[in-house]
Amino acid sequence: MEETLVERGKSSAAPMIFILVAAFHYLFRYIEFNKNKKGSINDTDVQLRAEIMQLLKEASGLSQPSTFAQAAKLRRMAAAKEKELVKNQEMQKKEVKSSYDTQEKILKISNISAYVVLIIWFWQMPVATISEELVQPFGKMLSWRAGGALRDHVMVGIIPWLIVFARVNKLY
């Protein structure tokens, strides 16, 4: 009875490791997506845009030679407001990026620690068994630190298993 539980644990180890690697990969992608996404528009940005539009509208209405100086003044004010808007948006991007950078660092640390725990846990144990015909030229590489072949089956070690699934997840 105890041996069947151990066998069940081994047989479920491979999919669980894959799910863990995939989860970390998709969390990294989610953070990257949100970090590169455009920032949300706040009230000051909306107000600045409205003021810029109003100033440019007033300046375009003053097209007479006698009102040229006033129109130029309005355009300069609109340009100054645009610079202020750009500055506000850059500050928002920096704040958002720094917040996501800390989340990314925490996720990297937890990813590395999970890999280390898995490697220690499954160091000399096979994670999965695969038919030798499927992995004909790479059987020895996959069975590294997990033992040799067992009656037409290759025992897959934890390190090759993690490498293969990390690479597979990066493709998606």
N, C-alpha and C. Protein backbone atom coordinates (compact mmCIF):
# COMPACT_ATOMS: atom_id res chain seq x y z
N MET A 1 0.82 -1.20 0.00
CA MET A 1 0.00 0.00 0.00
C MET A 1 0.87 1.26 0.00
N GLU A 2 1.93 1.24 0.80
CA GLU A 2 2.81 2.40 0.89
C GLU A 2 3.54 2.64 -0.43
N GLU A 3 3.89 1.58 -1.11
CA GLU A 3 4.60 1.70 -2.37
C GLU A 3 3.72 2.31 -3.46
N THR A 4 2.44 2.02 -3.45
CA THR A 4 1.55 2.61 -4.45
C THR A 4 1.39 4.11 -4.21
N LEU A 5 1.40 4.55 -2.95
CA LEU A 5 1.32 5.98 -2.67
C LEU A 5 2.57 6.69 -3.16
N VAL A 6 3.73 6.05 -2.99
CA VAL A 6 4.97 6.64 -3.47
C VAL A 6 4.94 6.71 -4.99
N GLU A 7 4.46 5.68 -5.65
CA GLU A 7 4.36 5.67 -7.11
C GLU A 7 3.40 6.76 -7.59
N ARG A 8 2.28 6.94 -6.87
CA ARG A 8 1.34 7.99 -7.25
C ARG A 8 1.98 9.36 -7.08
N GLY A 9 2.77 9.54 -6.03
CA GLY A 9 3.47 10.81 -5.82
C GLY A 9 4.44 11.09 -6.94
N LYS A 10 5.15 10.08 -7.39
CA LYS A 10 6.09 10.26 -8.50
C LYS A 10 5.35 10.56 -9.79
N SER A 11 4.25 9.88 -10.01
CA SER A 11 3.53 10.08 -11.26
C SER A 11 2.87 11.45 -11.33
N SER A 12 2.52 12.02 -10.19
CA SER A 12 1.91 13.34 -10.21
C SER A 12 2.94 14.45 -10.08
N ALA A 13 4.21 14.10 -9.84
CA ALA A 13 5.24 15.12 -9.68
C ALA A 13 5.49 15.86 -10.98
N ALA A 14 5.55 15.14 -12.09
CA ALA A 14 5.86 15.77 -13.38
C ALA A 14 4.82 16.83 -13.77
N PRO A 15 3.52 16.51 -13.74
CA PRO A 15 2.55 17.56 -14.10
C PRO A 15 2.53 18.72 -13.11
N MET A 16 2.74 18.42 -11.83
CA MET A 16 2.74 19.50 -10.85
C MET A 16 3.92 20.44 -11.07
N ILE A 17 5.07 19.90 -11.42
CA ILE A 17 6.23 20.75 -11.71
C ILE A 17 5.96 21.59 -12.95
N PHE A 18 5.34 20.98 -13.95
CA PHE A 18 4.99 21.74 -15.15
C PHE A 18 4.03 22.88 -14.82
N ILE A 19 3.04 22.61 -14.01
CA ILE A 19 2.07 23.64 -13.63
C ILE A 19 2.76 24.76 -12.87
N LEU A 20 3.68 24.41 -11.98
CA LEU A 20 4.41 25.42 -11.21
C LEU A 20 5.26 26.29 -12.13
N VAL A 21 5.99 25.68 -13.05
CA VAL A 21 6.82 26.43 -13.98
C VAL A 21 5.94 27.33 -14.86
N ALA A 22 4.83 26.80 -15.33
CA ALA A 22 3.92 27.59 -16.17
C ALA A 22 3.32 28.75 -15.39
N ALA A 23 2.98 28.52 -14.13
CA ALA A 23 2.41 29.59 -13.31
C ALA A 23 3.41 30.74 -13.13
N PHE A 24 4.65 30.40 -12.83
CA PHE A 24 5.66 31.44 -12.69
C PHE A 24 5.84 32.19 -14.01
N HIS A 25 5.85 31.46 -15.11
CA HIS A 25 6.04 32.09 -16.41
C HIS A 25 4.90 33.07 -16.71
N TYR A 26 3.67 32.66 -16.47
CA TYR A 26 2.55 33.55 -16.76
C TYR A 26 2.47 34.72 -15.78
N LEU A 27 2.93 34.54 -14.56
CA LEU A 27 2.99 35.68 -13.64
C LEU A 27 4.01 36.70 -14.13
N PHE A 28 5.17 36.23 -14.61
CA PHE A 28 6.16 37.14 -15.18
C PHE A 28 5.59 37.89 -16.38
N ARG A 29 4.88 37.19 -17.24
CA ARG A 29 4.29 37.84 -18.41
C ARG A 29 3.22 38.86 -18.01
N TYR A 30 2.43 38.55 -16.99
CA TYR A 30 1.40 39.46 -16.51
C TYR A 30 2.03 40.74 -15.98
N ILE A 31 3.09 40.60 -15.20
CA ILE A 31 3.77 41.78 -14.66
C ILE A 31 4.38 42.61 -15.78
N GLU A 32 5.03 41.95 -16.75
CA GLU A 32 5.62 42.67 -17.88
C GLU A 32 4.55 43.40 -18.69
N PHE A 33 3.42 42.75 -18.90
CA PHE A 33 2.33 43.37 -19.66
C PHE A 33 1.83 44.61 -18.95
N ASN A 34 1.62 44.51 -17.65
CA ASN A 34 1.09 45.65 -16.89
C ASN A 34 2.13 46.75 -16.74
N LYS A 35 3.40 46.37 -16.68
CA LYS A 35 4.44 47.39 -16.55
C LYS A 35 4.57 48.20 -17.83
N ASN A 36 4.42 47.57 -18.98
CA ASN A 36 4.57 48.25 -20.25
C ASN A 36 3.29 48.91 -20.74
N LYS A 37 2.18 48.63 -20.06
CA LYS A 37 0.90 49.20 -20.45
C LYS A 37 0.90 50.70 -20.15
N LYS A 38 0.19 51.43 -20.96
CA LYS A 38 0.09 52.87 -20.74
C LYS A 38 -0.57 53.14 -19.40
N GLY A 39 -0.10 54.19 -18.73
CA GLY A 39 -0.63 54.55 -17.43
C GLY A 39 -2.06 55.08 -17.53
N SER A 40 -2.74 55.02 -16.44
CA SER A 40 -4.11 55.52 -16.42
C SER A 40 -4.10 57.05 -16.43
N ILE A 41 -5.15 57.60 -16.95
CA ILE A 41 -5.27 59.05 -17.05
C ILE A 41 -5.91 59.55 -15.76
N ASN A 42 -5.25 60.48 -15.09
CA ASN A 42 -5.83 61.02 -13.86
C ASN A 42 -6.46 62.38 -14.14
N ASP A 43 -7.02 62.98 -13.12
CA ASP A 43 -7.77 64.23 -13.27
C ASP A 43 -6.89 65.39 -13.71
N THR A 44 -5.66 65.46 -13.20
CA THR A 44 -4.79 66.58 -13.59
C THR A 44 -4.42 66.49 -15.06
N ASP A 45 -4.22 65.27 -15.57
CA ASP A 45 -3.92 65.11 -16.99
C ASP A 45 -5.10 65.55 -17.85
N VAL A 46 -6.28 65.18 -17.45
CA VAL A 46 -7.48 65.56 -18.19
C VAL A 46 -7.65 67.08 -18.17
N GLN A 47 -7.40 67.68 -17.01
CA GLN A 47 -7.54 69.12 -16.88
C GLN A 47 -6.50 69.84 -17.73
N LEU A 48 -5.26 69.35 -17.72
CA LEU A 48 -4.21 69.97 -18.53
C LEU A 48 -4.52 69.85 -20.02
N ARG A 49 -5.00 68.70 -20.44
CA ARG A 49 -5.37 68.53 -21.85
C ARG A 49 -6.49 69.49 -22.25
N ALA A 50 -7.45 69.65 -21.37
CA ALA A 50 -8.56 70.57 -21.67
C ALA A 50 -8.05 72.00 -21.77
N GLU A 51 -7.15 72.39 -20.86
CA GLU A 51 -6.59 73.75 -20.91
C GLU A 51 -5.78 73.96 -22.18
N ILE A 52 -5.00 72.96 -22.57
CA ILE A 52 -4.20 73.06 -23.80
C ILE A 52 -5.11 73.24 -25.01
N MET A 53 -6.14 72.42 -25.08
CA MET A 53 -7.08 72.52 -26.20
C MET A 53 -7.76 73.89 -26.22
N GLN A 54 -8.12 74.39 -25.05
CA GLN A 54 -8.79 75.70 -24.97
C GLN A 54 -7.83 76.80 -25.42
N LEU A 55 -6.58 76.76 -24.97
CA LEU A 55 -5.60 77.78 -25.36
C LEU A 55 -5.33 77.75 -26.87
N LEU A 56 -5.19 76.54 -27.42
CA LEU A 56 -4.95 76.44 -28.86
C LEU A 56 -6.17 76.90 -29.66
N LYS A 57 -7.36 76.65 -29.13
CA LYS A 57 -8.58 77.08 -29.80
C LYS A 57 -8.67 78.61 -29.81
N GLU A 58 -8.34 79.21 -28.67
CA GLU A 58 -8.34 80.68 -28.59
C GLU A 58 -7.28 81.28 -29.51
N ALA A 59 -6.10 80.63 -29.55
CA ALA A 59 -5.01 81.15 -30.38
C ALA A 59 -5.37 81.05 -31.86
N SER A 60 -6.06 80.00 -32.26
CA SER A 60 -6.44 79.87 -33.67
C SER A 60 -7.52 80.89 -34.04
N GLY A 61 -8.28 81.32 -33.08
CA GLY A 61 -9.32 82.32 -33.33
C GLY A 61 -8.75 83.71 -33.52
N LEU A 62 -7.54 83.93 -33.05
CA LEU A 62 -6.89 85.23 -33.18
C LEU A 62 -5.95 85.19 -34.38
N SER A 63 -6.49 85.34 -35.56
CA SER A 63 -5.69 85.22 -36.77
C SER A 63 -5.41 86.57 -37.44
N GLN A 64 -5.82 87.65 -36.84
CA GLN A 64 -5.59 88.98 -37.40
C GLN A 64 -4.17 89.44 -37.09
N PRO A 65 -3.60 90.26 -37.96
CA PRO A 65 -2.24 90.76 -37.69
C PRO A 65 -2.15 91.57 -36.40
N SER A 66 -3.20 92.23 -36.03
CA SER A 66 -3.17 93.04 -34.81
C SER A 66 -3.19 92.17 -33.54
N THR A 67 -3.66 90.93 -33.63
CA THR A 67 -3.74 90.05 -32.46
C THR A 67 -2.68 88.94 -32.50
N PHE A 68 -1.66 89.14 -33.35
CA PHE A 68 -0.61 88.13 -33.49
C PHE A 68 0.13 87.90 -32.17
N ALA A 69 0.46 88.96 -31.46
CA ALA A 69 1.22 88.85 -30.21
C ALA A 69 0.42 88.08 -29.17
N GLN A 70 -0.86 88.35 -29.10
CA GLN A 70 -1.71 87.64 -28.13
C GLN A 70 -1.82 86.16 -28.50
N ALA A 71 -1.94 85.85 -29.79
CA ALA A 71 -2.02 84.45 -30.23
C ALA A 71 -0.71 83.72 -29.94
N ALA A 72 0.41 84.40 -30.16
CA ALA A 72 1.72 83.78 -29.89
C ALA A 72 1.86 83.50 -28.39
N LYS A 73 1.38 84.43 -27.56
CA LYS A 73 1.43 84.24 -26.11
C LYS A 73 0.60 83.02 -25.71
N LEU A 74 -0.57 82.87 -26.28
CA LEU A 74 -1.43 81.73 -25.97
C LEU A 74 -0.78 80.41 -26.42
N ARG A 75 -0.13 80.43 -27.58
CA ARG A 75 0.56 79.21 -28.05
C ARG A 75 1.72 78.84 -27.13
N ARG A 76 2.45 79.85 -26.66
CA ARG A 76 3.55 79.57 -25.71
C ARG A 76 3.02 78.99 -24.40
N MET A 77 1.89 79.53 -23.96
CA MET A 77 1.28 78.98 -22.74
C MET A 77 0.85 77.53 -22.96
N ALA A 78 0.29 77.23 -24.14
CA ALA A 78 -0.12 75.85 -24.45
C ALA A 78 1.10 74.93 -24.51
N ALA A 79 2.22 75.42 -25.07
CA ALA A 79 3.44 74.61 -25.13
C ALA A 79 3.97 74.33 -23.72
N ALA A 80 3.88 75.33 -22.84
CA ALA A 80 4.34 75.13 -21.46
C ALA A 80 3.46 74.10 -20.75
N LYS A 81 2.17 74.16 -21.01
CA LYS A 81 1.24 73.18 -20.41
C LYS A 81 1.52 71.78 -20.96
N GLU A 82 1.86 71.68 -22.24
CA GLU A 82 2.19 70.38 -22.82
C GLU A 82 3.43 69.80 -22.15
N LYS A 83 4.43 70.64 -21.89
CA LYS A 83 5.64 70.18 -21.20
C LYS A 83 5.30 69.70 -19.79
N GLU A 84 4.42 70.42 -19.13
CA GLU A 84 3.99 70.01 -17.79
C GLU A 84 3.25 68.68 -17.84
N LEU A 85 2.42 68.49 -18.86
CA LEU A 85 1.69 67.23 -19.03
C LEU A 85 2.65 66.07 -19.25
N VAL A 86 3.64 66.28 -20.11
CA VAL A 86 4.63 65.23 -20.36
C VAL A 86 5.40 64.90 -19.09
N LYS A 87 5.75 65.91 -18.33
CA LYS A 87 6.48 65.70 -17.07
C LYS A 87 5.64 64.88 -16.08
N ASN A 88 4.35 65.22 -15.97
CA ASN A 88 3.47 64.47 -15.09
C ASN A 88 3.35 63.01 -15.52
N GLN A 89 3.23 62.78 -16.83
CA GLN A 89 3.11 61.42 -17.33
C GLN A 89 4.39 60.61 -17.09
N GLU A 90 5.55 61.24 -17.24
CA GLU A 90 6.82 60.55 -16.97
C GLU A 90 6.94 60.17 -15.50
N MET A 91 6.50 61.06 -14.63
CA MET A 91 6.56 60.75 -13.20
C MET A 91 5.63 59.59 -12.87
N GLN A 92 4.44 59.56 -13.47
CA GLN A 92 3.52 58.44 -13.26
C GLN A 92 4.13 57.14 -13.74
N LYS A 93 4.76 57.16 -14.92
CA LYS A 93 5.39 55.95 -15.45
C LYS A 93 6.48 55.45 -14.52
N LYS A 94 7.27 56.35 -13.97
CA LYS A 94 8.34 55.95 -13.05
C LYS A 94 7.77 55.29 -11.79
N GLU A 95 6.70 55.87 -11.26
CA GLU A 95 6.08 55.31 -10.07
C GLU A 95 5.52 53.92 -10.33
N VAL A 96 4.84 53.76 -11.46
CA VAL A 96 4.25 52.47 -11.81
C VAL A 96 5.36 51.44 -12.05
N LYS A 97 6.41 51.86 -12.75
CA LYS A 97 7.50 50.95 -13.06
C LYS A 97 8.21 50.50 -11.80
N SER A 98 8.43 51.41 -10.86
CA SER A 98 9.11 51.02 -9.62
C SER A 98 8.27 50.05 -8.81
N SER A 99 6.95 50.24 -8.83
CA SER A 99 6.09 49.31 -8.11
C SER A 99 6.13 47.92 -8.74
N TYR A 100 6.11 47.86 -10.08
CA TYR A 100 6.18 46.56 -10.74
C TYR A 100 7.57 45.94 -10.66
N ASP A 101 8.60 46.77 -10.56
CA ASP A 101 9.95 46.24 -10.40
C ASP A 101 10.10 45.49 -9.08
N THR A 102 9.52 46.01 -8.01
CA THR A 102 9.60 45.30 -6.73
C THR A 102 8.82 43.99 -6.80
N GLN A 103 7.66 44.01 -7.45
CA GLN A 103 6.90 42.76 -7.61
C GLN A 103 7.68 41.75 -8.43
N GLU A 104 8.36 42.23 -9.46
CA GLU A 104 9.14 41.35 -10.31
C GLU A 104 10.32 40.73 -9.55
N LYS A 105 10.95 41.53 -8.70
CA LYS A 105 12.06 41.01 -7.89
C LYS A 105 11.57 39.93 -6.92
N ILE A 106 10.45 40.17 -6.30
CA ILE A 106 9.88 39.19 -5.36
C ILE A 106 9.53 37.91 -6.11
N LEU A 107 8.96 38.04 -7.30
CA LEU A 107 8.60 36.86 -8.09
C LEU A 107 9.85 36.10 -8.53
N LYS A 108 10.91 36.80 -8.90
CA LYS A 108 12.16 36.12 -9.29
C LYS A 108 12.75 35.35 -8.12
N ILE A 109 12.75 35.96 -6.95
CA ILE A 109 13.29 35.30 -5.77
C ILE A 109 12.47 34.06 -5.43
N SER A 110 11.15 34.17 -5.50
CA SER A 110 10.31 33.01 -5.19
C SER A 110 10.45 31.93 -6.27
N ASN A 111 10.65 32.33 -7.52
CA ASN A 111 10.86 31.38 -8.60
C ASN A 111 12.16 30.60 -8.39
N ILE A 112 13.22 31.29 -8.08
CA ILE A 112 14.51 30.64 -7.84
C ILE A 112 14.44 29.73 -6.62
N SER A 113 13.81 30.21 -5.56
CA SER A 113 13.71 29.37 -4.36
C SER A 113 12.84 28.14 -4.62
N ALA A 114 11.79 28.26 -5.42
CA ALA A 114 10.97 27.09 -5.77
C ALA A 114 11.78 26.09 -6.58
N TYR A 115 12.59 26.57 -7.52
CA TYR A 115 13.45 25.68 -8.29
C TYR A 115 14.45 24.96 -7.39
N VAL A 116 15.04 25.69 -6.46
CA VAL A 116 16.02 25.08 -5.55
C VAL A 116 15.35 24.02 -4.69
N VAL A 117 14.17 24.31 -4.18
CA VAL A 117 13.45 23.32 -3.37
C VAL A 117 13.11 22.09 -4.19
N LEU A 118 12.66 22.28 -5.42
CA LEU A 118 12.35 21.13 -6.28
C LEU A 118 13.60 20.30 -6.59
N ILE A 119 14.70 20.98 -6.85
CA ILE A 119 15.95 20.26 -7.15
C ILE A 119 16.40 19.45 -5.94
N ILE A 120 16.33 20.05 -4.76
CA ILE A 120 16.73 19.32 -3.55
C ILE A 120 15.78 18.16 -3.29
N TRP A 121 14.49 18.38 -3.48
CA TRP A 121 13.49 17.36 -3.20
C TRP A 121 13.63 16.16 -4.13
N PHE A 122 13.85 16.40 -5.41
CA PHE A 122 13.90 15.33 -6.40
C PHE A 122 15.32 15.06 -6.89
N TRP A 123 16.34 15.29 -6.09
CA TRP A 123 17.72 15.21 -6.55
C TRP A 123 18.09 13.84 -7.13
N GLN A 124 17.90 12.78 -6.42
CA GLN A 124 18.27 11.46 -6.90
C GLN A 124 17.06 10.64 -7.34
N MET A 125 15.89 11.26 -7.35
CA MET A 125 14.66 10.56 -7.73
C MET A 125 14.26 10.90 -9.15
N PRO A 126 13.71 9.95 -9.86
CA PRO A 126 13.19 10.28 -11.19
C PRO A 126 11.86 11.03 -11.06
N VAL A 127 11.68 12.01 -11.91
CA VAL A 127 10.45 12.78 -11.91
C VAL A 127 9.40 12.11 -12.78
N ALA A 128 9.86 11.54 -13.89
CA ALA A 128 8.94 10.90 -14.83
C ALA A 128 9.68 9.78 -15.56
N THR A 129 8.92 8.92 -16.15
CA THR A 129 9.49 7.88 -17.01
C THR A 129 8.90 8.06 -18.41
N ILE A 130 9.80 8.03 -19.38
CA ILE A 130 9.39 8.22 -20.78
C ILE A 130 9.93 7.05 -21.57
N SER A 131 9.17 6.63 -22.55
CA SER A 131 9.60 5.54 -23.40
C SER A 131 10.92 5.90 -24.08
N GLU A 132 11.82 4.95 -24.13
CA GLU A 132 13.15 5.20 -24.68
C GLU A 132 13.07 5.54 -26.18
N GLU A 133 12.07 5.05 -26.86
CA GLU A 133 11.92 5.33 -28.29
C GLU A 133 11.64 6.81 -28.54
N LEU A 134 10.95 7.48 -27.62
CA LEU A 134 10.61 8.89 -27.81
C LEU A 134 11.81 9.81 -27.66
N VAL A 135 12.75 9.41 -26.85
CA VAL A 135 13.90 10.28 -26.55
C VAL A 135 15.20 9.59 -26.92
N GLN A 136 15.21 8.89 -28.03
CA GLN A 136 16.31 8.01 -28.41
C GLN A 136 17.70 8.65 -28.29
N PRO A 137 18.01 9.75 -28.94
CA PRO A 137 19.39 10.24 -28.80
C PRO A 137 19.64 11.02 -27.51
N PHE A 138 18.59 11.44 -26.81
CA PHE A 138 18.76 12.29 -25.64
C PHE A 138 18.46 11.58 -24.32
N GLY A 139 18.37 10.28 -24.33
CA GLY A 139 17.99 9.54 -23.13
C GLY A 139 18.94 9.74 -21.97
N LYS A 140 20.25 9.73 -22.24
CA LYS A 140 21.23 9.90 -21.16
C LYS A 140 21.17 11.31 -20.57
N MET A 141 20.94 12.31 -21.42
CA MET A 141 20.86 13.68 -20.91
C MET A 141 19.63 13.86 -20.02
N LEU A 142 18.52 13.27 -20.41
CA LEU A 142 17.30 13.42 -19.61
C LEU A 142 17.35 12.64 -18.31
N SER A 143 18.12 11.57 -18.28
CA SER A 143 18.17 10.76 -17.06
C SER A 143 19.30 11.20 -16.13
N TRP A 144 19.87 12.36 -16.38
CA TRP A 144 20.95 12.86 -15.53
C TRP A 144 20.46 13.02 -14.09
N ARG A 145 21.16 12.42 -13.17
CA ARG A 145 20.88 12.46 -11.73
C ARG A 145 19.57 11.78 -11.35
N ALA A 146 19.06 10.89 -12.20
CA ALA A 146 17.83 10.20 -11.85
C ALA A 146 17.97 8.70 -12.01
N GLY A 147 19.12 8.24 -12.37
CA GLY A 147 19.29 6.82 -12.61
C GLY A 147 19.32 6.55 -14.09
N GLY A 148 19.45 5.31 -14.45
CA GLY A 148 19.56 4.95 -15.86
C GLY A 148 18.22 4.56 -16.44
N ALA A 149 18.31 3.71 -17.46
CA ALA A 149 17.10 3.23 -18.13
C ALA A 149 16.51 2.06 -17.36
N LEU A 150 15.24 1.87 -17.50
CA LEU A 150 14.54 0.79 -16.83
C LEU A 150 13.61 0.12 -17.84
N ARG A 151 14.03 -1.01 -18.38
CA ARG A 151 13.23 -1.80 -19.33
C ARG A 151 12.54 -0.92 -20.38
N ASP A 152 13.28 -0.41 -21.30
CA ASP A 152 12.79 0.40 -22.42
C ASP A 152 12.16 1.72 -21.98
N HIS A 153 12.47 2.18 -20.81
CA HIS A 153 12.00 3.47 -20.33
C HIS A 153 13.19 4.26 -19.79
N VAL A 154 13.14 5.55 -19.96
CA VAL A 154 14.18 6.44 -19.45
C VAL A 154 13.62 7.18 -18.25
N MET A 155 14.37 7.18 -17.18
CA MET A 155 13.99 7.94 -15.99
C MET A 155 14.47 9.39 -16.18
N VAL A 156 13.57 10.34 -16.05
CA VAL A 156 13.90 11.74 -16.28
C VAL A 156 14.21 12.40 -14.94
N GLY A 157 15.35 13.08 -14.88
CA GLY A 157 15.76 13.79 -13.67
C GLY A 157 15.12 15.16 -13.57
N ILE A 158 15.24 15.75 -12.39
CA ILE A 158 14.58 17.03 -12.12
C ILE A 158 15.21 18.18 -12.90
N ILE A 159 16.52 18.20 -13.00
CA ILE A 159 17.17 19.33 -13.67
C ILE A 159 16.83 19.37 -15.16
N PRO A 160 16.95 18.25 -15.90
CA PRO A 160 16.52 18.32 -17.30
C PRO A 160 15.03 18.62 -17.45
N TRP A 161 14.23 18.11 -16.52
CA TRP A 161 12.79 18.35 -16.57
C TRP A 161 12.49 19.85 -16.43
N LEU A 162 13.14 20.51 -15.48
CA LEU A 162 12.94 21.95 -15.30
C LEU A 162 13.44 22.74 -16.50
N ILE A 163 14.58 22.34 -17.05
CA ILE A 163 15.12 23.05 -18.21
C ILE A 163 14.18 22.93 -19.40
N VAL A 164 13.72 21.73 -19.66
CA VAL A 164 12.84 21.51 -20.81
C VAL A 164 11.55 22.31 -20.65
N PHE A 165 10.93 22.26 -19.49
CA PHE A 165 9.66 22.97 -19.34
C PHE A 165 9.83 24.46 -19.26
N ALA A 166 10.95 24.94 -18.74
CA ALA A 166 11.20 26.39 -18.76
C ALA A 166 11.33 26.87 -20.20
N ARG A 167 12.00 26.10 -21.04
CA ARG A 167 12.14 26.47 -22.46
C ARG A 167 10.82 26.36 -23.20
N VAL A 168 10.05 25.35 -22.91
CA VAL A 168 8.76 25.19 -23.57
C VAL A 168 7.85 26.35 -23.20
N ASN A 169 7.85 26.78 -21.94
CA ASN A 169 6.99 27.87 -21.52
C ASN A 169 7.41 29.20 -22.14
N LYS A 170 8.70 29.38 -22.40
CA LYS A 170 9.14 30.64 -23.01
C LYS A 170 8.69 30.76 -24.45
N LEU A 171 8.37 29.64 -25.08
CA LEU A 171 7.88 29.69 -26.45
C LEU A 171 6.47 30.26 -26.53
N TYR A 172 5.72 30.16 -25.46
CA TYR A 172 4.33 30.62 -25.47
C TYR A 172 4.18 31.94 -24.81
